[in-house]
Amino acid sequence: MENNTIFVGSKPVMNYVLAVVTQFNEGSDSVLLRARGKAISRAVDAAEIVRNRFVPESDVTDIRISTEEIENYNNEKTNVSIIEILIEKSDDSF
């Protein structure tokens, strides 16, 4: 994974928003939010907050969804949904 990938988990949404804004402030042109399972809605919320409030010159340019097979604590295989949201800053930003 690249340095501009943020893994979304169970922390509050604003933690991930701050991480995205920090990446943009440090010079990244794009940030990838990656989430699995129940954290998917948190990743979508973070992307929308970034886009609408904090970095209005950014846009969601790609959304990828997939399924990953994992083993739980009983050694049973389970499918988990994954989403990757790519947010890019437009060239005409200041």
Protein backbone atom coordinates (compact mmCIF):
# COMPACT_ATOMS: atom_id res chain seq x y z
CA MET A 1 0.00 0.00 0.00
CA GLU A 2 1.07 3.56 -0.62
CA ASN A 3 1.74 6.21 2.01
CA ASN A 4 -1.44 8.04 1.10
CA THR A 5 -3.71 5.14 2.11
CA ILE A 6 -5.85 5.60 5.21
CA PHE A 7 -7.39 2.49 6.74
CA VAL A 8 -10.76 3.30 8.24
CA GLY A 9 -11.74 1.42 11.38
CA SER A 10 -13.72 2.10 14.54
CA LYS A 11 -12.39 5.56 15.47
CA PRO A 12 -14.63 8.63 15.16
CA VAL A 13 -15.19 9.91 11.62
CA MET A 14 -13.39 13.20 12.29
CA ASN A 15 -10.13 11.32 12.98
CA TYR A 16 -10.18 10.05 9.38
CA VAL A 17 -11.21 13.46 8.04
CA LEU A 18 -8.22 15.00 9.81
CA ALA A 19 -5.93 12.29 8.38
CA VAL A 20 -7.11 13.05 4.83
CA VAL A 21 -6.76 16.82 5.26
CA THR A 22 -3.27 16.30 6.73
CA GLN A 23 -2.24 14.22 3.71
CA PHE A 24 -3.42 16.98 1.37
CA ASN A 25 -1.63 19.65 3.42
CA GLU A 26 1.60 17.65 3.23
CA GLY A 27 1.48 17.75 -0.56
CA SER A 28 -0.39 14.63 -1.63
CA ASP A 29 -2.53 15.01 -4.73
CA SER A 30 -4.65 11.99 -3.85
CA VAL A 31 -5.67 10.00 -0.78
CA LEU A 32 -7.17 6.52 -0.67
CA LEU A 33 -9.67 5.66 2.07
CA ARG A 34 -9.95 1.89 2.59
CA ALA A 35 -12.56 0.24 4.82
CA ARG A 36 -13.99 -3.21 5.50
CA GLY A 37 -17.32 -4.37 6.86
CA LYS A 38 -19.10 -2.05 9.27
CA ALA A 39 -16.50 0.69 8.75
CA ILE A 40 -17.62 1.25 5.15
CA SER A 41 -20.24 3.84 6.13
CA ARG A 42 -17.61 5.66 8.21
CA ALA A 43 -15.31 5.86 5.16
CA VAL A 44 -18.12 7.26 3.01
CA ASP A 45 -18.95 9.84 5.69
CA ALA A 46 -15.29 10.88 5.96
CA ALA A 47 -14.98 11.28 2.18
CA GLU A 48 -18.13 13.42 2.01
CA ILE A 49 -17.08 15.64 4.93
CA VAL A 50 -13.67 16.20 3.36
CA ARG A 51 -15.18 16.98 -0.02
CA ASN A 52 -17.98 19.25 1.19
CA ARG A 53 -16.44 21.09 4.16
CA PHE A 54 -12.67 20.95 4.42
CA VAL A 55 -11.23 20.57 0.89
CA PRO A 56 -13.94 21.76 -1.51
CA GLU A 57 -11.49 21.63 -4.44
CA SER A 58 -11.25 17.84 -4.03
CA ASP A 59 -13.41 15.22 -5.66
CA VAL A 60 -14.04 11.48 -5.42
CA THR A 61 -12.51 10.14 -8.63
CA ASP A 62 -12.74 6.38 -8.10
CA ILE A 63 -14.66 3.95 -5.91
CA ARG A 64 -13.72 0.27 -5.87
CA ILE A 65 -15.63 -2.46 -4.10
CA SER A 66 -14.62 -6.05 -3.50
CA THR A 67 -14.98 -8.99 -1.16
CA GLU A 68 -12.26 -10.61 0.91
CA GLU A 69 -12.46 -14.04 2.48
CA ILE A 70 -11.14 -14.15 6.04
CA GLU A 71 -11.04 -16.74 8.81
CA ASN A 72 -12.77 -15.95 12.09
CA TYR A 73 -11.76 -17.21 15.52
CA ASN A 74 -13.49 -20.57 14.91
CA ASN A 75 -11.41 -21.14 11.74
CA GLU A 76 -14.56 -20.61 9.68
CA LYS A 77 -14.25 -18.67 6.44
CA THR A 78 -16.35 -15.54 6.11
CA ASN A 79 -16.73 -12.94 3.37
CA VAL A 80 -16.11 -9.29 4.23
CA SER A 81 -16.97 -6.38 1.94
CA ILE A 82 -14.29 -3.80 1.14
CA ILE A 83 -14.52 -0.29 -0.29
CA GLU A 84 -11.72 1.93 -1.53
CA ILE A 85 -12.50 5.60 -2.14
CA LEU A 86 -9.96 7.69 -4.04
CA ILE A 87 -10.11 11.43 -3.31
CA GLU A 88 -8.07 13.72 -5.55
CA LYS A 89 -7.32 17.40 -5.32
CA SER A 90 -7.97 19.35 -8.51
CA ASP A 91 -5.10 21.16 -10.27
CA ASP A 92 -6.58 24.65 -9.84
CA SER A 93 -6.36 24.50 -6.03
CA PHE A 94 -4.35 27.13 -4.22
